[in-house]
Amino acid sequence: MPKIDIAKAVVRTTTIYPAEFADATRGREKVALGNLAGLTQFGVNLTRLKPGASSSLRHWHEQEDEFVYVLEGEVALIEDEGETFLRAGDAAGFKAGVANGHCLVNRSNRDALVLEVGTRAANERAHYPDADLKFERDGKSARFFHMSGEPYPEQR
């Protein structure tokens, strides 16, 4: 098994969200470890959340399972049922097709480090219950839409 040289990884601090939602993930640093290994069936990210940062907007996926494992620090898991604190050694999973919007927020005064694993479905829809936003990927392209179905302007 080839060893991944994490020191050569590019740290992504930007978001793919439309501009009006870009601040939601300010303070998030993401390294796509799965990409470094050439993985195509599932993604693996090492995500650092600075104090006050969120992993994403609260969302759920129709086709993709998600799993998170807290390596360092503490995060608030926010979902439909409320909030649960996850600390180092805690994990959570989100089954595809279950309409339970979720995200992680670092409400502490120190960084949190989270390992994220998720399916990479060619065709996918993601729903954002707290925002006028939905995401669709059809195997060829990916776009964000308003809840009305009107597309957001093309992003970067």
Protein backbone atom coordinates (compact mmCIF):
# COMPACT_ATOMS: atom_id res chain seq x y z
CA MET A 1 0.00 0.00 0.00
CA PRO A 2 1.52 3.31 -1.01
CA LYS A 3 2.22 5.74 1.78
CA ILE A 4 0.61 9.16 1.37
CA ASP A 5 3.00 12.08 1.84
CA ILE A 6 0.68 14.39 3.74
CA ALA A 7 3.35 17.10 3.83
CA LYS A 8 2.88 17.51 0.04
CA ALA A 9 -0.88 17.88 0.32
CA VAL A 10 -2.59 21.07 -0.75
CA VAL A 11 -4.66 22.60 2.03
CA ARG A 12 -7.95 23.92 0.64
CA THR A 13 -9.48 26.86 2.48
CA THR A 14 -12.00 27.87 -0.19
CA THR A 15 -15.52 26.56 -0.67
CA ILE A 16 -17.55 25.46 -3.67
CA TYR A 17 -20.68 27.13 -2.27
CA PRO A 18 -22.17 30.13 -4.09
CA ALA A 19 -20.59 33.41 -2.96
CA GLU A 20 -23.40 34.34 -0.55
CA PHE A 21 -22.65 31.18 1.50
CA ALA A 22 -18.83 31.39 1.39
CA ASP A 23 -18.52 32.68 4.97
CA ALA A 24 -20.13 29.50 6.33
CA THR A 25 -16.83 27.63 6.14
CA ARG A 26 -14.39 30.43 6.89
CA GLY A 27 -11.72 28.94 9.17
CA ARG A 28 -12.02 25.44 7.66
CA GLU A 29 -8.87 23.80 6.22
CA LYS A 30 -9.38 20.62 4.20
CA VAL A 31 -6.86 18.12 2.82
CA ALA A 32 -8.27 15.57 0.35
CA LEU A 33 -6.28 12.52 1.48
CA GLY A 34 -8.29 10.16 -0.72
CA ASN A 35 -7.33 12.17 -3.81
CA LEU A 36 -3.65 11.83 -2.90
CA ALA A 37 -4.09 8.06 -2.97
CA GLY A 38 -6.05 8.14 -6.24
CA LEU A 39 -9.22 6.84 -4.59
CA THR A 40 -12.37 7.15 -6.71
CA GLN A 41 -15.11 5.25 -4.86
CA PHE A 42 -15.01 7.22 -1.64
CA GLY A 43 -13.49 10.43 -0.36
CA VAL A 44 -11.30 10.88 2.71
CA ASN A 45 -10.62 14.35 4.06
CA LEU A 46 -8.56 15.59 6.97
CA THR A 47 -10.39 18.73 8.08
CA ARG A 48 -9.16 21.30 10.56
CA LEU A 49 -11.77 23.62 12.03
CA LYS A 50 -10.46 26.80 13.61
CA PRO A 51 -12.45 28.21 16.56
CA GLY A 52 -15.85 29.35 15.26
CA ALA A 53 -15.53 27.48 11.95
CA SER A 54 -18.13 25.16 10.47
CA SER A 55 -17.46 22.05 8.37
CA SER A 56 -20.28 22.97 5.97
CA LEU A 57 -23.77 24.33 5.84
CA ARG A 58 -26.20 21.94 7.47
CA HIS A 59 -27.01 19.37 4.75
CA TRP A 60 -27.94 15.79 3.86
CA HIS A 61 -27.26 13.59 0.82
CA GLU A 62 -29.65 11.40 -1.17
CA GLN A 63 -26.96 8.94 -2.41
CA GLU A 64 -23.83 9.44 -0.32
CA ASP A 65 -23.06 8.02 3.12
CA GLU A 66 -20.87 10.14 5.39
CA PHE A 67 -18.74 9.31 8.43
CA VAL A 68 -16.76 11.61 10.73
CA TYR A 69 -14.19 10.79 13.43
CA VAL A 70 -12.84 13.49 15.75
CA LEU A 71 -9.07 13.21 16.09
CA GLU A 72 -8.41 16.32 18.18
CA GLY A 73 -10.50 18.89 20.00
CA GLU A 74 -14.26 19.17 20.26
CA VAL A 75 -17.05 20.02 17.80
CA ALA A 76 -20.79 20.50 18.05
CA LEU A 77 -22.67 18.14 15.77
CA ILE A 78 -25.75 20.10 14.71
CA GLU A 79 -28.60 18.08 13.23
CA ASP A 80 -32.38 18.09 13.09
CA GLU A 81 -32.67 16.71 16.66
CA GLY A 82 -30.42 19.41 18.12
CA GLU A 83 -26.78 19.47 19.19
CA THR A 84 -24.41 16.80 20.43
CA PHE A 85 -20.80 17.45 21.37
CA LEU A 86 -18.20 15.17 19.81
CA ARG A 87 -14.74 14.99 21.37
CA ALA A 88 -11.51 13.29 20.31
CA GLY A 89 -12.29 9.61 19.83
CA ASP A 90 -15.99 10.18 19.04
CA ALA A 91 -17.55 9.38 15.67
CA ALA A 92 -20.84 9.92 13.83
CA GLY A 93 -22.31 8.56 10.62
CA PHE A 94 -24.97 9.76 8.23
CA LYS A 95 -26.78 7.26 6.01
CA ALA A 96 -27.63 8.29 2.46
CA GLY A 97 -31.26 9.19 1.93
CA VAL A 98 -31.98 10.09 5.55
CA ALA A 99 -33.25 13.68 5.61
CA ASN A 100 -31.33 14.76 8.72
CA GLY A 101 -29.41 17.94 7.95
CA HIS A 102 -26.07 18.00 9.76
CA CYS A 103 -22.79 19.88 10.11
CA LEU A 104 -19.96 20.30 12.61
CA VAL A 105 -19.17 23.61 14.32
CA ASN A 106 -16.11 24.31 16.45
CA ARG A 107 -17.38 26.34 19.39
CA SER A 108 -14.23 25.84 21.44
CA ASN A 109 -11.19 28.13 21.70
CA ARG A 110 -8.78 25.66 20.06
CA ASP A 111 -8.55 23.89 16.70
CA ALA A 112 -10.44 20.66 16.07
CA LEU A 113 -9.22 17.98 13.65
CA VAL A 114 -11.73 15.65 12.00
CA LEU A 115 -11.36 12.73 9.61
CA GLU A 116 -14.24 12.66 7.09
CA VAL A 117 -15.10 9.68 4.88
CA GLY A 118 -17.86 9.65 2.31
CA THR A 119 -19.22 7.93 -0.77
CA ARG A 120 -18.53 9.47 -4.19
CA ALA A 121 -21.74 8.95 -6.12
CA ALA A 122 -21.73 9.97 -9.79
CA ASN A 123 -25.30 11.18 -9.45
CA GLU A 124 -26.20 13.06 -6.30
CA ARG A 125 -28.49 15.60 -4.74
CA ALA A 126 -27.70 17.38 -1.48
CA HIS A 127 -30.24 19.40 0.46
CA TYR A 128 -29.53 22.38 2.73
CA PRO A 129 -32.53 22.83 5.07
CA ASP A 130 -31.38 26.18 6.53
CA ALA A 131 -30.52 27.85 3.21
CA ASP A 132 -32.08 28.57 -0.17
CA LEU A 133 -29.75 25.98 -1.65
CA LYS A 134 -29.62 22.54 -3.19
CA PHE A 135 -26.84 20.75 -5.04
CA GLU A 136 -27.11 18.40 -8.03
CA ARG A 137 -24.45 16.31 -9.79
CA ASP A 138 -25.31 14.20 -12.83
CA GLY A 139 -21.98 12.51 -13.57
CA LYS A 140 -20.93 15.23 -16.02
CA SER A 141 -21.55 18.48 -14.19
CA ALA A 142 -22.34 19.79 -10.73
CA ARG A 143 -24.45 22.85 -9.94
CA PHE A 144 -26.09 24.67 -7.08
CA PHE A 145 -29.71 25.75 -7.33
CA HIS A 146 -32.14 27.88 -5.39
CA MET A 147 -34.99 25.90 -3.84
CA SER A 148 -37.17 27.29 -6.65
CA GLY A 149 -34.98 25.41 -9.17
CA GLU A 150 -33.29 28.55 -10.51
CA PRO A 151 -29.54 27.94 -10.88
CA TYR A 152 -27.00 30.02 -9.01
CA PRO A 153 -24.47 31.76 -11.26
CA GLU A 154 -21.53 29.55 -12.24
CA GLN A 155 -18.88 29.44 -9.56
CA ARG A 156 -15.09 29.60 -9.79
